[in-house]
Amino acid sequence: MIYYIIALLIVALDQITKWLIIQAMNVHESIEVISGFFYITSHRNSGAAWGMLQGQMWLFYIVTVFVVGVIVYYMRQYRNGYKLLNTGFALILGGAIGNFIDRVVMQEVVDFLDFTIFNYNFPIFNVADIALTIGVTIIIILILFDEWNNKRMKNNDE
């Protein structure tokens, strides 16, 4: 149950921050927070990461419903123990739902966190994107660690 609460908190934080941006800023308006590094920039994205697949809402609807279903299935399968795994799933679930709400309601996602890193203007993102990225990273690390551990155990058995 705690993992669904984590997902719900991610959705709430994501939607509140996006609402604040919509209320306080015009699209493309930018506020400098740290000169040359961090800006709050009101941006809309009708695609996926880095603006890929612009306007393909039907694809995002299908993929998101599928991902949410798979995540909920695995959260139920691994509900006993596997705390870090379920935390990763909860972050992915919250992030996916947060961006899904935008796509259903506005046909685009509200992004606003804008960083320039070593003269590279990183694509603008939001709280849901952060949760998705951290969740996927946790899952990948756990899979890699599990593979490494299985190979180590196999080599010890030989």
Protein backbone atom coordinates (compact mmCIF):
# COMPACT_ATOMS: atom_id res chain seq x y z
CA MET A 1 0.00 0.00 0.00
CA ILE A 2 2.87 2.39 0.78
CA TYR A 3 4.06 2.16 -2.83
CA TYR A 4 0.69 3.31 -4.17
CA ILE A 5 0.88 6.23 -1.73
CA ILE A 6 4.33 7.09 -3.12
CA ALA A 7 2.89 7.01 -6.64
CA LEU A 8 -0.03 9.19 -5.55
CA LEU A 9 2.34 11.71 -3.94
CA ILE A 10 4.36 11.88 -7.18
CA VAL A 11 1.17 12.52 -9.17
CA ALA A 12 0.07 15.21 -6.70
CA LEU A 13 3.45 16.99 -6.67
CA ASP A 14 3.65 16.78 -10.46
CA GLN A 15 0.16 18.16 -11.03
CA ILE A 16 0.52 20.93 -8.42
CA THR A 17 3.80 22.16 -9.89
CA LYS A 18 2.37 22.09 -13.41
CA TRP A 19 -0.75 23.96 -12.27
CA LEU A 20 1.46 26.63 -10.66
CA ILE A 21 3.40 27.05 -13.90
CA ILE A 22 0.20 27.34 -15.95
CA GLN A 23 -1.23 29.91 -13.54
CA ALA A 24 1.90 32.02 -13.12
CA MET A 25 3.57 31.98 -16.52
CA ASN A 26 2.86 32.33 -20.22
CA VAL A 27 4.07 29.60 -22.56
CA HIS A 28 7.77 30.13 -23.40
CA GLU A 29 8.20 32.60 -20.54
CA SER A 30 11.38 31.92 -18.57
CA ILE A 31 12.59 32.90 -15.11
CA GLU A 32 16.31 32.77 -14.41
CA VAL A 33 17.01 30.96 -11.14
CA ILE A 34 20.77 30.37 -11.44
CA SER A 35 22.36 32.42 -14.21
CA GLY A 36 23.54 30.31 -17.12
CA PHE A 37 22.47 27.06 -15.46
CA PHE A 38 18.87 26.77 -14.20
CA TYR A 39 15.67 28.39 -15.42
CA ILE A 40 11.97 27.85 -14.84
CA THR A 41 10.62 27.88 -18.40
CA SER A 42 6.96 27.33 -19.28
CA HIS A 43 7.00 24.82 -22.12
CA ARG A 44 4.48 22.44 -23.71
CA ASN A 45 5.37 19.12 -25.31
CA SER A 46 2.93 17.13 -27.43
CA GLY A 47 5.47 14.35 -27.87
CA ALA A 48 7.75 12.17 -25.77
CA ALA A 49 11.22 12.85 -24.39
CA TRP A 50 13.21 15.36 -26.46
CA GLY A 51 10.03 16.13 -28.41
CA MET A 52 9.98 12.80 -30.25
CA LEU A 53 6.70 11.54 -31.74
CA GLN A 54 5.01 14.95 -31.65
CA GLY A 55 1.22 14.75 -31.79
CA GLN A 56 0.98 10.95 -31.48
CA MET A 57 -1.42 11.07 -28.51
CA TRP A 58 -3.12 7.76 -29.36
CA LEU A 59 0.26 6.01 -29.07
CA PHE A 60 0.94 7.61 -25.68
CA TYR A 61 -2.50 6.59 -24.42
CA ILE A 62 -1.97 2.96 -25.42
CA VAL A 63 1.60 2.78 -24.11
CA THR A 64 0.72 4.46 -20.80
CA VAL A 65 -2.28 2.20 -20.12
CA PHE A 66 -0.11 -0.83 -20.93
CA VAL A 67 2.79 0.39 -18.73
CA VAL A 68 0.47 1.20 -15.81
CA GLY A 69 -1.10 -2.27 -16.09
CA VAL A 70 2.30 -4.00 -16.16
CA ILE A 71 3.62 -1.93 -13.24
CA VAL A 72 0.54 -2.64 -11.09
CA TYR A 73 0.79 -6.35 -11.97
CA TYR A 74 4.45 -6.50 -10.91
CA MET A 75 3.82 -4.43 -7.79
CA ARG A 76 1.24 -7.03 -6.77
CA GLN A 77 3.58 -9.91 -7.66
CA TYR A 78 6.44 -8.49 -5.59
CA ARG A 79 4.41 -6.86 -2.81
CA ASN A 80 6.14 -8.90 -0.09
CA GLY A 81 9.70 -7.70 0.28
CA TYR A 82 11.57 -6.18 -2.66
CA LYS A 83 11.30 -2.68 -1.22
CA LEU A 84 13.69 -1.01 -3.65
CA LEU A 85 12.09 -2.74 -6.64
CA ASN A 86 8.64 -1.59 -5.57
CA THR A 87 9.95 1.92 -4.95
CA GLY A 88 11.18 1.98 -8.56
CA PHE A 89 7.80 0.71 -9.74
CA ALA A 90 6.00 3.36 -7.64
CA LEU A 91 8.10 6.15 -9.14
CA ILE A 92 7.41 4.90 -12.67
CA LEU A 93 3.70 4.56 -11.90
CA GLY A 94 3.44 8.08 -10.47
CA GLY A 95 5.42 9.62 -13.32
CA ALA A 96 3.47 7.79 -16.01
CA ILE A 97 0.12 8.83 -14.51
CA GLY A 98 1.27 12.43 -14.00
CA ASN A 99 2.14 12.91 -17.67
CA PHE A 100 -0.89 10.85 -18.76
CA ILE A 101 -3.21 13.30 -16.99
CA ASP A 102 -1.68 16.18 -18.98
CA ARG A 103 -2.04 14.29 -22.27
CA VAL A 104 -5.70 13.45 -21.63
CA VAL A 105 -6.70 16.88 -20.32
CA MET A 106 -4.56 19.21 -22.48
CA GLN A 107 -3.25 17.03 -25.35
CA GLU A 108 0.27 18.05 -24.29
CA VAL A 109 2.60 17.80 -21.30
CA VAL A 110 3.61 20.82 -19.22
CA ASP A 111 7.39 21.01 -18.76
CA PHE A 112 9.25 23.69 -16.84
CA LEU A 113 12.61 22.58 -15.41
CA ASP A 114 15.21 23.98 -17.79
CA PHE A 115 18.96 23.37 -17.34
CA THR A 116 22.00 24.39 -19.35
CA ILE A 117 24.88 22.02 -18.58
CA PHE A 118 28.30 22.78 -20.10
CA ASN A 119 26.66 24.98 -22.78
CA TYR A 120 24.17 22.18 -23.62
CA ASN A 121 20.55 23.24 -23.20
CA PHE A 122 19.10 20.02 -21.76
CA PRO A 123 15.49 19.29 -22.83
CA ILE A 124 12.95 20.90 -20.48
CA PHE A 125 11.27 18.42 -18.13
CA ASN A 126 8.93 18.11 -15.12
CA VAL A 127 8.44 16.24 -11.83
CA ALA A 128 6.84 13.23 -13.56
CA ASP A 129 9.90 12.92 -15.82
CA ILE A 130 12.19 12.97 -12.78
CA ALA A 131 10.18 10.19 -11.13
CA LEU A 132 10.18 8.11 -14.33
CA THR A 133 13.93 8.52 -14.79
CA ILE A 134 14.78 7.61 -11.20
CA GLY A 135 12.33 4.68 -11.23
CA VAL A 136 13.72 3.26 -14.47
CA THR A 137 17.30 3.75 -13.21
CA ILE A 138 16.50 1.82 -10.02
CA ILE A 139 14.98 -1.05 -12.02
CA ILE A 140 17.95 -1.18 -14.42
CA ILE A 141 20.46 -1.20 -11.56
CA LEU A 142 18.55 -3.98 -9.80
CA ILE A 143 18.40 -6.05 -13.00
CA LEU A 144 22.13 -5.56 -13.62
CA PHE A 145 22.96 -6.41 -10.02
CA ASP A 146 20.77 -9.52 -10.20
CA GLU A 147 22.51 -10.61 -13.42
CA TRP A 148 25.92 -10.00 -11.89
CA ASN A 149 24.92 -11.93 -8.76
CA ASN A 150 23.57 -14.86 -10.82
CA LYS A 151 26.78 -15.06 -12.85
CA ARG A 152 28.84 -14.93 -9.66
CA MET A 153 26.80 -17.73 -8.10
CA LYS A 154 27.03 -19.81 -11.31
CA ASN A 155 30.82 -19.40 -11.37
CA ASN A 156 31.02 -20.46 -7.69
CA ASP A 157 29.02 -23.63 -8.44
CA GLU A 158 31.43 -24.72 -11.19
